[in-house]
Amino acid sequence: MMLGGMTGRGLTKLHMLPTDQTLTSQYYINQILEKEMKPLKSRRQVTGGPMERKLFSSKKEMAFVQDRAPAPSSKATQMWCQVNLPNFIAKDSWPANSLDLNPIEDIWSIIDETTYNDPAPKTMAELKRRLRFPWKNSIIDTRKELAHFMPRRSENAIKNKTGDSGY
């Protein structure tokens, strides 16, 4: 399982869950949120690669959204996010099955196309390499565009009252 995050400015580290590890709430809080997400708020570099750049222009502009998988939507995770992340959007405020409201899904689709091209990866090491390359080299214009359209997508979903933004 792969976990990663994005803004219009840059990327988080691509986290690969160890083969024998289940994504529990405790693992998610300790290994993803504490070790990887929390430090991202303090990135200061405005140039450089997408994995070194400052991700947020200000804390007011930061909105943290997760999918509804069990570990991110657990009570413990939701509480951790409420305490530690400004402008956290809780699971109850986010429509279910709203893939078009989650721009990372578009990035995963792009990565999927390049990762599984012929020939298909034959080893776990090759798969990891193929995932890391497009992740690190994802087009910044694509990320900016996806992030830029989020307010409009959200407004459309609210207007439609279905969680569907029409995109």
C-alpha atoms as a PDB file:
ATOM      1  CA  MET A   1       0.000   0.000   0.000  1.00  0.00           C
ATOM      2  CA  MET A   2       1.217   3.484  -0.902  1.00  0.00           C
ATOM      3  CA  LEU A   3       0.365   6.712   0.882  1.00  0.00           C
ATOM      4  CA  GLY A   4       1.178  10.196  -0.310  1.00  0.00           C
ATOM      5  CA  GLY A   5      -0.098  13.739  -0.216  1.00  0.00           C
ATOM      6  CA  MET A   6       0.063  16.834  -2.413  1.00  0.00           C
ATOM      7  CA  THR A   7      -0.624  20.506  -2.694  1.00  0.00           C
ATOM      8  CA  GLY A   8      -0.303  22.785  -5.699  1.00  0.00           C
ATOM      9  CA  ARG A   9       3.219  23.595  -4.461  1.00  0.00           C
ATOM     10  CA  GLY A  10       4.720  20.176  -3.803  1.00  0.00           C
ATOM     11  CA  LEU A  11       4.508  16.620  -2.506  1.00  0.00           C
ATOM     12  CA  THR A  12       4.883  14.633   0.655  1.00  0.00           C
ATOM     13  CA  LYS A  13       7.254  11.708   0.743  1.00  0.00           C
ATOM     14  CA  LEU A  14       5.742   8.593  -0.826  1.00  0.00           C
ATOM     15  CA  HIS A  15       5.254   6.187   2.069  1.00  0.00           C
ATOM     16  CA  MET A  16       5.246   2.489   1.292  1.00  0.00           C
ATOM     17  CA  LEU A  17       3.648   0.345   3.943  1.00  0.00           C
ATOM     18  CA  PRO A  18       5.859  -2.626   4.847  1.00  0.00           C
ATOM     19  CA  THR A  19       4.557  -5.890   3.387  1.00  0.00           C
ATOM     20  CA  ASP A  20       3.735  -7.422   6.776  1.00  0.00           C
ATOM     21  CA  GLN A  21       2.180  -4.230   8.218  1.00  0.00           C
ATOM     22  CA  THR A  22      -1.539  -3.513   8.447  1.00  0.00           C
ATOM     23  CA  LEU A  23      -2.564   0.138   8.248  1.00  0.00           C
ATOM     24  CA  THR A  24      -3.951   0.604  11.744  1.00  0.00           C
ATOM     25  CA  SER A  25      -4.914   3.918  13.307  1.00  0.00           C
ATOM     26  CA  GLN A  26      -1.872   3.783  15.575  1.00  0.00           C
ATOM     27  CA  TYR A  27       0.517   3.119  12.662  1.00  0.00           C
ATOM     28  CA  TYR A  28      -1.128   5.901  10.632  1.00  0.00           C
ATOM     29  CA  ILE A  29      -0.864   8.427  13.479  1.00  0.00           C
ATOM     30  CA  ASN A  30       2.708   7.516  14.501  1.00  0.00           C
ATOM     31  CA  GLN A  31       4.330   6.797  11.131  1.00  0.00           C
ATOM     32  CA  ILE A  32       2.392   9.013   8.715  1.00  0.00           C
ATOM     33  CA  LEU A  33       0.936  11.957  10.615  1.00  0.00           C
ATOM     34  CA  GLU A  34       3.579  12.437  13.343  1.00  0.00           C
ATOM     35  CA  LYS A  35       6.698  11.549  11.335  1.00  0.00           C
ATOM     36  CA  GLU A  36       5.729  12.753   7.874  1.00  0.00           C
ATOM     37  CA  MET A  37       2.786  15.168   7.936  1.00  0.00           C
ATOM     38  CA  LYS A  38       3.575  17.284  10.988  1.00  0.00           C
ATOM     39  CA  PRO A  39       7.089  18.282   9.784  1.00  0.00           C
ATOM     40  CA  LEU A  40       5.663  19.430   6.422  1.00  0.00           C
ATOM     41  CA  LYS A  41       4.084  22.466   8.079  1.00  0.00           C
ATOM     42  CA  SER A  42       7.569  23.831   8.771  1.00  0.00           C
ATOM     43  CA  ARG A  43       9.063  23.509   5.277  1.00  0.00           C
ATOM     44  CA  ARG A  44      10.439  26.906   4.246  1.00  0.00           C
ATOM     45  CA  GLN A  45      12.174  26.369   0.881  1.00  0.00           C
ATOM     46  CA  VAL A  46      10.249  27.929  -2.024  1.00  0.00           C
ATOM     47  CA  THR A  47      12.392  26.495  -4.825  1.00  0.00           C
ATOM     48  CA  GLY A  48      13.836  23.067  -5.517  1.00  0.00           C
ATOM     49  CA  GLY A  49      12.271  19.697  -6.117  1.00  0.00           C
ATOM     50  CA  PRO A  50       8.606  19.010  -5.349  1.00  0.00           C
ATOM     51  CA  MET A  51       9.559  16.950  -2.288  1.00  0.00           C
ATOM     52  CA  GLU A  52      11.646  19.732  -0.716  1.00  0.00           C
ATOM     53  CA  ARG A  53       9.429  22.751  -1.390  1.00  0.00           C
ATOM     54  CA  LYS A  54       7.236  24.550   1.106  1.00  0.00           C
ATOM     55  CA  LEU A  55       3.761  23.042   0.682  1.00  0.00           C
ATOM     56  CA  PHE A  56       1.581  25.748   2.182  1.00  0.00           C
ATOM     57  CA  SER A  57       1.729  29.507   1.697  1.00  0.00           C
ATOM     58  CA  SER A  58       0.126  30.048   5.105  1.00  0.00           C
ATOM     59  CA  LYS A  59      -1.629  28.051   7.789  1.00  0.00           C
ATOM     60  CA  LYS A  60      -4.861  29.812   6.852  1.00  0.00           C
ATOM     61  CA  GLU A  61      -4.663  28.403   3.324  1.00  0.00           C
ATOM     62  CA  MET A  62      -3.912  24.863   4.447  1.00  0.00           C
ATOM     63  CA  ALA A  63      -6.811  22.419   4.387  1.00  0.00           C
ATOM     64  CA  PHE A  64      -6.097  18.825   5.317  1.00  0.00           C
ATOM     65  CA  VAL A  65      -8.402  16.198   3.794  1.00  0.00           C
ATOM     66  CA  GLN A  66      -8.162  12.408   4.002  1.00  0.00           C
ATOM     67  CA  ASP A  67     -10.101   9.605   2.415  1.00  0.00           C
ATOM     68  CA  ARG A  68     -12.575   7.517   4.384  1.00  0.00           C
ATOM     69  CA  ALA A  69     -10.387   4.447   4.789  1.00  0.00           C
ATOM     70  CA  PRO A  70     -10.598   2.950   8.304  1.00  0.00           C
ATOM     71  CA  ALA A  71      -7.277   4.266   9.688  1.00  0.00           C
ATOM     72  CA  PRO A  72      -7.724   7.920   8.595  1.00  0.00           C
ATOM     73  CA  SER A  73     -11.384   7.976   9.641  1.00  0.00           C
ATOM     74  CA  SER A  74     -10.916   6.388  13.082  1.00  0.00           C
ATOM     75  CA  LYS A  75     -11.817   8.392  16.194  1.00  0.00           C
ATOM     76  CA  ALA A  76      -8.162   8.467  17.306  1.00  0.00           C
ATOM     77  CA  THR A  77      -6.966   9.810  13.941  1.00  0.00           C
ATOM     78  CA  GLN A  78      -9.766  12.371  13.687  1.00  0.00           C
ATOM     79  CA  MET A  79      -8.930  13.629  17.205  1.00  0.00           C
ATOM     80  CA  TRP A  80      -5.189  13.837  16.400  1.00  0.00           C
ATOM     81  CA  CYS A  81      -5.937  15.854  13.254  1.00  0.00           C
ATOM     82  CA  GLN A  82      -8.314  18.224  15.070  1.00  0.00           C
ATOM     83  CA  VAL A  83      -5.593  18.995  17.622  1.00  0.00           C
ATOM     84  CA  ASN A  84      -2.573  19.161  15.294  1.00  0.00           C
ATOM     85  CA  LEU A  85      -3.692  20.390  11.881  1.00  0.00           C
ATOM     86  CA  PRO A  86      -5.234  23.787  11.157  1.00  0.00           C
ATOM     87  CA  ASN A  87      -8.299  23.768   8.917  1.00  0.00           C
ATOM     88  CA  PHE A  88      -8.699  20.006   9.190  1.00  0.00           C
ATOM     89  CA  ILE A  89     -11.809  18.819   7.354  1.00  0.00           C
ATOM     90  CA  ALA A  90     -13.321  16.027   9.459  1.00  0.00           C
ATOM     91  CA  LYS A  91     -14.740  12.894   7.847  1.00  0.00           C
ATOM     92  CA  ASP A  92     -18.308  13.895   8.714  1.00  0.00           C
ATOM     93  CA  SER A  93     -17.880  17.124   6.727  1.00  0.00           C
ATOM     94  CA  TRP A  94     -16.563  15.384   3.619  1.00  0.00           C
ATOM     95  CA  PRO A  95     -18.944  13.605   1.224  1.00  0.00           C
ATOM     96  CA  ALA A  96     -18.592   9.836   0.950  1.00  0.00           C
ATOM     97  CA  ASN A  97     -17.330   8.457  -2.368  1.00  0.00           C
ATOM     98  CA  SER A  98     -16.223  11.889  -3.557  1.00  0.00           C
ATOM     99  CA  LEU A  99     -13.259  10.898  -5.706  1.00  0.00           C
ATOM    100  CA  ASP A 100     -13.604  14.025  -7.830  1.00  0.00           C
ATOM    101  CA  LEU A 101     -13.182  16.118  -4.657  1.00  0.00           C
ATOM    102  CA  ASN A 102      -9.884  14.460  -3.870  1.00  0.00           C
ATOM    103  CA  PRO A 103      -7.219  15.737  -6.308  1.00  0.00           C
ATOM    104  CA  ILE A 104      -4.710  13.101  -5.249  1.00  0.00           C
ATOM    105  CA  GLU A 105      -6.878  10.565  -7.098  1.00  0.00           C
ATOM    106  CA  ASP A 106      -6.005  12.335 -10.365  1.00  0.00           C
ATOM    107  CA  ILE A 107      -2.292  12.121  -9.524  1.00  0.00           C
ATOM    108  CA  TRP A 108      -2.641   8.392  -8.695  1.00  0.00           C
ATOM    109  CA  SER A 109      -4.266   7.839 -12.116  1.00  0.00           C
ATOM    110  CA  ILE A 110      -1.327   9.512 -13.864  1.00  0.00           C
ATOM    111  CA  ILE A 111       1.146   7.460 -11.825  1.00  0.00           C
ATOM    112  CA  ASP A 112      -0.790   4.260 -12.522  1.00  0.00           C
ATOM    113  CA  GLU A 113      -0.476   4.810 -16.287  1.00  0.00           C
ATOM    114  CA  THR A 114       3.313   5.131 -16.128  1.00  0.00           C
ATOM    115  CA  THR A 115       3.948   2.478 -13.471  1.00  0.00           C
ATOM    116  CA  TYR A 116       2.200  -0.400 -15.173  1.00  0.00           C
ATOM    117  CA  ASN A 117       3.347   0.206 -18.757  1.00  0.00           C
ATOM    118  CA  ASP A 118       4.805  -2.775 -20.597  1.00  0.00           C
ATOM    119  CA  PRO A 119       6.606  -4.632 -19.327  1.00  0.00           C
ATOM    120  CA  ALA A 120       4.849  -4.884 -15.970  1.00  0.00           C
ATOM    121  CA  PRO A 121       7.151  -4.694 -12.932  1.00  0.00           C
ATOM    122  CA  LYS A 122       8.296  -8.165 -11.894  1.00  0.00           C
ATOM    123  CA  THR A 123       9.750  -7.487  -8.435  1.00  0.00           C
ATOM    124  CA  MET A 124       8.748  -5.367  -5.448  1.00  0.00           C
ATOM    125  CA  ALA A 125      11.952  -3.324  -5.844  1.00  0.00           C
ATOM    126  CA  GLU A 126      11.102  -2.566  -9.462  1.00  0.00           C
ATOM    127  CA  LEU A 127       7.529  -1.622  -8.538  1.00  0.00           C
ATOM    128  CA  LYS A 128       8.778   0.763  -5.822  1.00  0.00           C
ATOM    129  CA  ARG A 129      11.233   2.363  -8.258  1.00  0.00           C
ATOM    130  CA  ARG A 130       8.509   2.776 -10.864  1.00  0.00           C
ATOM    131  CA  LEU A 131       6.199   4.387  -8.325  1.00  0.00           C
ATOM    132  CA  ARG A 132       8.811   6.756  -6.912  1.00  0.00           C
ATOM    133  CA  PHE A 133       9.918   8.127 -10.279  1.00  0.00           C
ATOM    134  CA  PRO A 134       6.557   9.516 -11.464  1.00  0.00           C
ATOM    135  CA  TRP A 135       5.732  10.606  -7.903  1.00  0.00           C
ATOM    136  CA  LYS A 136       8.889  12.729  -7.663  1.00  0.00           C
ATOM    137  CA  ASN A 137       8.494  13.968 -11.212  1.00  0.00           C
ATOM    138  CA  SER A 138       4.756  14.636 -11.282  1.00  0.00           C
ATOM    139  CA  ILE A 139       4.092  17.753 -13.288  1.00  0.00           C
ATOM    140  CA  ILE A 140       3.786  20.810 -11.068  1.00  0.00           C
ATOM    141  CA  ASP A 141       1.309  22.432 -13.464  1.00  0.00           C
ATOM    142  CA  THR A 142      -0.999  19.441 -12.970  1.00  0.00           C
ATOM    143  CA  ARG A 143      -0.802  19.748  -9.179  1.00  0.00           C
ATOM    144  CA  LYS A 144      -1.372  23.507  -9.324  1.00  0.00           C
ATOM    145  CA  GLU A 145      -4.357  23.085 -11.606  1.00  0.00           C
ATOM    146  CA  LEU A 146      -5.891  20.376  -9.435  1.00  0.00           C
ATOM    147  CA  ALA A 147      -5.415  22.460  -6.284  1.00  0.00           C
ATOM    148  CA  HIS A 148      -6.692  25.619  -8.008  1.00  0.00           C
ATOM    149  CA  PHE A 149      -9.970  23.969  -9.037  1.00  0.00           C
ATOM    150  CA  MET A 150     -10.739  22.495  -5.604  1.00  0.00           C
ATOM    151  CA  PRO A 151     -12.848  25.464  -4.400  1.00  0.00           C
ATOM    152  CA  ARG A 152     -14.960  25.297  -7.571  1.00  0.00           C
ATOM    153  CA  ARG A 153     -15.326  21.520  -7.329  1.00  0.00           C
ATOM    154  CA  SER A 154     -16.361  21.855  -3.679  1.00  0.00           C
ATOM    155  CA  GLU A 155     -18.904  24.590  -4.444  1.00  0.00           C
ATOM    156  CA  ASN A 156     -20.427  22.455  -7.217  1.00  0.00           C
ATOM    157  CA  ALA A 157     -20.673  19.427  -4.913  1.00  0.00           C
ATOM    158  CA  ILE A 158     -22.457  21.523  -2.277  1.00  0.00           C
ATOM    159  CA  LYS A 159     -24.777  22.984  -4.889  1.00  0.00           C
ATOM    160  CA  ASN A 160     -25.540  19.498  -6.295  1.00  0.00           C
ATOM    161  CA  LYS A 161     -26.117  18.139  -2.754  1.00  0.00           C
ATOM    162  CA  THR A 162     -24.726  14.794  -3.900  1.00  0.00           C
ATOM    163  CA  GLY A 163     -20.973  15.015  -3.274  1.00  0.00           C
ATOM    164  CA  ASP A 164     -20.541  15.015  -7.060  1.00  0.00           C
ATOM    165  CA  SER A 165     -18.789  18.082  -8.437  1.00  0.00           C
ATOM    166  CA  GLY A 166     -19.580  17.380 -12.067  1.00  0.00           C
ATOM    167  CA  TYR A 167     -15.887  16.984 -13.015  1.00  0.00           C
END
